Amino acid sequence: MTLSGFRSAALVALLSLGAPAAMAESTFTTKSLTVEVALKAAQAALEACRKGGYQVGVAVSDRSGVLQVYLRDRFAGAHTVEVAANKAWTAASFRISTAELAAETQAGKPMSAIRDIPRVAALGGGLPIEAAGSTVAGIGVSGAPGGTADEACARAGIEAIRADIEF
């Protein structure tokens, strides 16, 4: 082998060593709920609200905020469709509860402009669904008397799937 051929072979060898690392850094893997698990969370949240005497809508979004499941009880208001979906979107997108977001975006606070973003629901009732330290979905409930009651139902939905999502 000539010196030129040796250099070419060495260069190819060096480049191929870095290729797997470069490919590994150019893609990533995420975890998402199956539709069955998302439905289980929504059903549990709906049932929790029913036990409290509330007619609500429940939305579960994927980790990007895209609606995966929506359930609406028979007498839940028409507004619950959009509000629950926006709470799930907000919780998944910002990765905090919508009640926390409401507190952090009050008028006069540095982050108050977040409320001007379309779809942001800065009121209680939306929670991120987390597993192994990552947000995998969002759940939003609308129709109970106040964000605290909505959030309690959303929390019941998350607890119902806790064993299913622990990695």
C-alpha atoms as a PDB file:
ATOM      1  CA  MET A   1       0.000   0.000   0.000  1.00  0.00           C
ATOM      2  CA  THR A   2       1.339   3.434  -0.865  1.00  0.00           C
ATOM      3  CA  LEU A   3       1.521   6.280   1.627  1.00  0.00           C
ATOM      4  CA  SER A   4      -1.353   8.001  -0.193  1.00  0.00           C
ATOM      5  CA  GLY A   5      -3.464   4.823  -0.046  1.00  0.00           C
ATOM      6  CA  PHE A   6      -2.649   4.386   3.652  1.00  0.00           C
ATOM      7  CA  ARG A   7      -3.747   7.963   4.394  1.00  0.00           C
ATOM      8  CA  SER A   8      -7.002   7.446   2.525  1.00  0.00           C
ATOM      9  CA  ALA A   9      -7.693   4.216   4.395  1.00  0.00           C
ATOM     10  CA  ALA A  10      -6.870   5.886   7.720  1.00  0.00           C
ATOM     11  CA  LEU A  11      -9.175   8.810   6.914  1.00  0.00           C
ATOM     12  CA  VAL A  12     -12.035   6.456   6.019  1.00  0.00           C
ATOM     13  CA  ALA A  13     -11.465   4.524   9.248  1.00  0.00           C
ATOM     14  CA  LEU A  14     -11.492   7.693  11.341  1.00  0.00           C
ATOM     15  CA  LEU A  15     -14.624   9.025   9.679  1.00  0.00           C
ATOM     16  CA  SER A  16     -16.464   5.756  10.136  1.00  0.00           C
ATOM     17  CA  LEU A  17     -15.701   5.798  13.853  1.00  0.00           C
ATOM     18  CA  GLY A  18     -17.502   9.107  14.226  1.00  0.00           C
ATOM     19  CA  ALA A  19     -20.454   8.196  11.995  1.00  0.00           C
ATOM     20  CA  PRO A  20     -22.436   6.200  14.601  1.00  0.00           C
ATOM     21  CA  ALA A  21     -22.000   8.996  17.132  1.00  0.00           C
ATOM     22  CA  ALA A  22     -23.099  11.614  14.617  1.00  0.00           C
ATOM     23  CA  MET A  23     -26.128   9.535  13.640  1.00  0.00           C
ATOM     24  CA  ALA A  24     -27.021   8.986  17.287  1.00  0.00           C
ATOM     25  CA  GLU A  25     -26.948  12.736  17.897  1.00  0.00           C
ATOM     26  CA  SER A  26     -29.098  13.546  14.880  1.00  0.00           C
ATOM     27  CA  THR A  27     -32.130  11.520  16.019  1.00  0.00           C
ATOM     28  CA  PHE A  28     -33.931  10.956  19.301  1.00  0.00           C
ATOM     29  CA  THR A  29     -36.573   8.704  20.776  1.00  0.00           C
ATOM     30  CA  THR A  30     -39.605   9.779  22.784  1.00  0.00           C
ATOM     31  CA  LYS A  31     -42.209   7.961  24.836  1.00  0.00           C
ATOM     32  CA  SER A  32     -45.920   8.513  24.265  1.00  0.00           C
ATOM     33  CA  LEU A  33     -49.090   7.071  25.706  1.00  0.00           C
ATOM     34  CA  THR A  34     -50.957   4.462  23.734  1.00  0.00           C
ATOM     35  CA  VAL A  35     -54.518   5.439  22.910  1.00  0.00           C
ATOM     36  CA  GLU A  36     -55.693   2.736  25.336  1.00  0.00           C
ATOM     37  CA  VAL A  37     -53.770   4.252  28.243  1.00  0.00           C
ATOM     38  CA  ALA A  38     -54.856   7.780  27.280  1.00  0.00           C
ATOM     39  CA  LEU A  39     -58.473   6.580  27.239  1.00  0.00           C
ATOM     40  CA  LYS A  40     -58.026   4.932  30.653  1.00  0.00           C
ATOM     41  CA  ALA A  41     -56.774   8.238  32.107  1.00  0.00           C
ATOM     42  CA  ALA A  42     -59.680  10.169  30.570  1.00  0.00           C
ATOM     43  CA  GLN A  43     -62.239   7.656  31.832  1.00  0.00           C
ATOM     44  CA  ALA A  44     -60.807   7.759  35.360  1.00  0.00           C
ATOM     45  CA  ALA A  45     -60.850  11.576  35.376  1.00  0.00           C
ATOM     46  CA  LEU A  46     -64.439  11.609  34.108  1.00  0.00           C
ATOM     47  CA  GLU A  47     -65.480   9.092  36.788  1.00  0.00           C
ATOM     48  CA  ALA A  48     -63.783  11.101  39.540  1.00  0.00           C
ATOM     49  CA  CYS A  49     -65.716  14.180  38.491  1.00  0.00           C
ATOM     50  CA  ARG A  50     -68.973  12.234  38.306  1.00  0.00           C
ATOM     51  CA  LYS A  51     -68.424  11.069  41.887  1.00  0.00           C
ATOM     52  CA  GLY A  52     -68.095  14.726  42.845  1.00  0.00           C
ATOM     53  CA  GLY A  53     -71.334  15.511  41.032  1.00  0.00           C
ATOM     54  CA  TYR A  54     -69.683  17.315  38.126  1.00  0.00           C
ATOM     55  CA  GLN A  55     -70.409  17.002  34.422  1.00  0.00           C
ATOM     56  CA  VAL A  56     -67.136  17.647  32.589  1.00  0.00           C
ATOM     57  CA  GLY A  57     -65.122  17.247  29.451  1.00  0.00           C
ATOM     58  CA  VAL A  58     -61.744  15.501  29.616  1.00  0.00           C
ATOM     59  CA  ALA A  59     -58.978  15.767  27.034  1.00  0.00           C
ATOM     60  CA  VAL A  60     -55.700  13.860  26.834  1.00  0.00           C
ATOM     61  CA  SER A  61     -53.051  15.102  24.432  1.00  0.00           C
ATOM     62  CA  ASP A  62     -49.790  13.539  23.373  1.00  0.00           C
ATOM     63  CA  ARG A  63     -46.513  15.062  24.539  1.00  0.00           C
ATOM     64  CA  SER A  64     -46.687  17.636  21.719  1.00  0.00           C
ATOM     65  CA  GLY A  65     -50.180  18.750  22.690  1.00  0.00           C
ATOM     66  CA  VAL A  66     -52.000  16.972  19.851  1.00  0.00           C
ATOM     67  CA  LEU A  67     -55.387  15.708  21.044  1.00  0.00           C
ATOM     68  CA  GLN A  68     -55.414  11.948  21.539  1.00  0.00           C
ATOM     69  CA  VAL A  69     -58.675  11.344  23.466  1.00  0.00           C
ATOM     70  CA  TYR A  70     -61.674  13.492  24.359  1.00  0.00           C
ATOM     71  CA  LEU A  71     -64.648  12.477  26.499  1.00  0.00           C
ATOM     72  CA  ARG A  72     -67.616  14.715  27.318  1.00  0.00           C
ATOM     73  CA  ASP A  73     -70.256  13.859  29.857  1.00  0.00           C
ATOM     74  CA  ARG A  74     -73.835  14.203  28.772  1.00  0.00           C
ATOM     75  CA  PHE A  75     -74.577  17.550  30.430  1.00  0.00           C
ATOM     76  CA  ALA A  76     -71.111  19.127  30.247  1.00  0.00           C
ATOM     77  CA  GLY A  77     -71.207  22.587  28.725  1.00  0.00           C
ATOM     78  CA  ALA A  78     -70.301  23.141  25.099  1.00  0.00           C
ATOM     79  CA  HIS A  79     -67.288  25.214  26.188  1.00  0.00           C
ATOM     80  CA  THR A  80     -65.687  22.175  27.846  1.00  0.00           C
ATOM     81  CA  VAL A  81     -64.620  20.716  24.503  1.00  0.00           C
ATOM     82  CA  GLU A  82     -62.256  23.545  23.638  1.00  0.00           C
ATOM     83  CA  VAL A  83     -61.255  24.437  27.194  1.00  0.00           C
ATOM     84  CA  ALA A  84     -60.286  20.885  28.221  1.00  0.00           C
ATOM     85  CA  ALA A  85     -58.308  20.403  24.996  1.00  0.00           C
ATOM     86  CA  ASN A  86     -56.504  23.713  25.538  1.00  0.00           C
ATOM     87  CA  LYS A  87     -55.688  22.802  29.150  1.00  0.00           C
ATOM     88  CA  ALA A  88     -54.161  19.495  27.988  1.00  0.00           C
ATOM     89  CA  TRP A  89     -52.230  21.316  25.236  1.00  0.00           C
ATOM     90  CA  THR A  90     -50.953  23.943  27.669  1.00  0.00           C
ATOM     91  CA  ALA A  91     -49.871  21.409  30.302  1.00  0.00           C
ATOM     92  CA  ALA A  92     -48.035  19.301  27.718  1.00  0.00           C
ATOM     93  CA  SER A  93     -46.497  22.276  25.918  1.00  0.00           C
ATOM     94  CA  PHE A  94     -45.265  24.169  28.986  1.00  0.00           C
ATOM     95  CA  ARG A  95     -44.731  20.995  31.052  1.00  0.00           C
ATOM     96  CA  ILE A  96     -46.301  22.467  34.183  1.00  0.00           C
ATOM     97  CA  SER A  97     -49.805  22.501  35.618  1.00  0.00           C
ATOM     98  CA  THR A  98     -52.088  25.126  34.181  1.00  0.00           C
ATOM     99  CA  ALA A  99     -52.739  26.403  37.739  1.00  0.00           C
ATOM    100  CA  GLU A 100     -48.989  27.025  38.161  1.00  0.00           C
ATOM    101  CA  LEU A 101     -48.899  28.728  34.767  1.00  0.00           C
ATOM    102  CA  ALA A 102     -51.831  30.925  35.827  1.00  0.00           C
ATOM    103  CA  ALA A 103     -49.946  32.034  38.932  1.00  0.00           C
ATOM    104  CA  GLU A 104     -46.720  32.724  37.032  1.00  0.00           C
ATOM    105  CA  THR A 105     -48.389  34.740  34.276  1.00  0.00           C
ATOM    106  CA  GLN A 106     -50.461  37.185  36.317  1.00  0.00           C
ATOM    107  CA  ALA A 107     -50.536  40.768  35.074  1.00  0.00           C
ATOM    108  CA  GLY A 108     -47.318  42.583  35.921  1.00  0.00           C
ATOM    109  CA  LYS A 109     -45.196  39.417  36.087  1.00  0.00           C
ATOM    110  CA  PRO A 110     -42.341  38.941  33.591  1.00  0.00           C
ATOM    111  CA  MET A 111     -44.099  36.004  31.880  1.00  0.00           C
ATOM    112  CA  SER A 112     -47.557  37.623  31.640  1.00  0.00           C
ATOM    113  CA  ALA A 113     -47.383  37.829  27.824  1.00  0.00           C
ATOM    114  CA  ILE A 114     -47.641  34.026  27.647  1.00  0.00           C
ATOM    115  CA  ARG A 115     -51.381  34.482  28.163  1.00  0.00           C
ATOM    116  CA  ASP A 116     -51.528  36.168  24.739  1.00  0.00           C
ATOM    117  CA  ILE A 117     -50.401  33.001  22.941  1.00  0.00           C
ATOM    118  CA  PRO A 118     -53.332  31.269  21.223  1.00  0.00           C
ATOM    119  CA  ARG A 119     -54.561  28.131  23.024  1.00  0.00           C
ATOM    120  CA  VAL A 120     -52.843  28.941  26.327  1.00  0.00           C
ATOM    121  CA  ALA A 121     -55.229  28.050  29.147  1.00  0.00           C
ATOM    122  CA  ALA A 122     -54.001  29.890  32.230  1.00  0.00           C
ATOM    123  CA  LEU A 123     -56.501  28.415  34.675  1.00  0.00           C
ATOM    124  CA  GLY A 124     -56.470  25.273  36.795  1.00  0.00           C
ATOM    125  CA  GLY A 125     -57.415  21.860  35.464  1.00  0.00           C
ATOM    126  CA  GLY A 126     -54.529  20.880  33.192  1.00  0.00           C
ATOM    127  CA  LEU A 127     -51.620  18.671  34.240  1.00  0.00           C
ATOM    128  CA  PRO A 128     -48.625  17.239  32.445  1.00  0.00           C
ATOM    129  CA  ILE A 129     -48.431  13.450  32.566  1.00  0.00           C
ATOM    130  CA  GLU A 130     -44.871  12.487  33.426  1.00  0.00           C
ATOM    131  CA  ALA A 131     -43.008   9.194  33.487  1.00  0.00           C
ATOM    132  CA  ALA A 132     -39.329   8.600  34.176  1.00  0.00           C
ATOM    133  CA  GLY A 133     -38.697  12.331  34.394  1.00  0.00           C
ATOM    134  CA  SER A 134     -40.200  13.174  30.988  1.00  0.00           C
ATOM    135  CA  THR A 135     -43.525  14.631  29.925  1.00  0.00           C
ATOM    136  CA  VAL A 136     -45.375  11.986  27.899  1.00  0.00           C
ATOM    137  CA  ALA A 137     -48.795  13.669  27.639  1.00  0.00           C
ATOM    138  CA  GLY A 138     -51.132  16.293  29.042  1.00  0.00           C
ATOM    139  CA  ILE A 139     -54.581  15.955  30.587  1.00  0.00           C
ATOM    140  CA  GLY A 140     -57.166  18.713  30.842  1.00  0.00           C
ATOM    141  CA  VAL A 141     -60.530  18.779  32.592  1.00  0.00           C
ATOM    142  CA  SER A 142     -63.189  21.447  32.214  1.00  0.00           C
ATOM    143  CA  GLY A 143     -66.658  21.838  33.677  1.00  0.00           C
ATOM    144  CA  ALA A 144     -66.281  21.287  37.413  1.00  0.00           C
ATOM    145  CA  PRO A 145     -66.887  24.348  39.596  1.00  0.00           C
ATOM    146  CA  GLY A 146     -63.395  25.826  39.478  1.00  0.00           C
ATOM    147  CA  GLY A 147     -59.884  24.909  38.479  1.00  0.00           C
ATOM    148  CA  THR A 148     -59.130  23.165  41.776  1.00  0.00           C
ATOM    149  CA  ALA A 149     -61.933  20.633  41.224  1.00  0.00           C
ATOM    150  CA  ASP A 150     -60.952  20.206  37.562  1.00  0.00           C
ATOM    151  CA  GLU A 151     -57.351  19.548  38.620  1.00  0.00           C
ATOM    152  CA  ALA A 152     -58.403  16.978  41.248  1.00  0.00           C
ATOM    153  CA  CYS A 153     -60.203  15.013  38.535  1.00  0.00           C
ATOM    154  CA  ALA A 154     -57.206  15.290  36.180  1.00  0.00           C
ATOM    155  CA  ARG A 155     -54.950  14.031  38.983  1.00  0.00           C
ATOM    156  CA  ALA A 156     -57.273  11.019  39.466  1.00  0.00           C
ATOM    157  CA  GLY A 157     -56.844  10.263  35.761  1.00  0.00           C
ATOM    158  CA  ILE A 158     -53.063  10.293  36.106  1.00  0.00           C
ATOM    159  CA  GLU A 159     -53.119   8.113  39.213  1.00  0.00           C
ATOM    160  CA  ALA A 160     -55.257   5.546  37.359  1.00  0.00           C
ATOM    161  CA  ILE A 161     -52.465   5.009  34.820  1.00  0.00           C
ATOM    162  CA  ARG A 162     -49.441   5.444  37.094  1.00  0.00           C
ATOM    163  CA  ALA A 163     -48.549   1.723  37.046  1.00  0.00           C
ATOM    164  CA  ASP A 164     -48.979   1.607  33.253  1.00  0.00           C
ATOM    165  CA  ILE A 165     -46.505   4.397  32.563  1.00  0.00           C
ATOM    166  CA  GLU A 166     -43.675   3.716  34.991  1.00  0.00           C
ATOM    167  CA  PHE A 167     -40.730   2.640  32.859  1.00  0.00           C
END
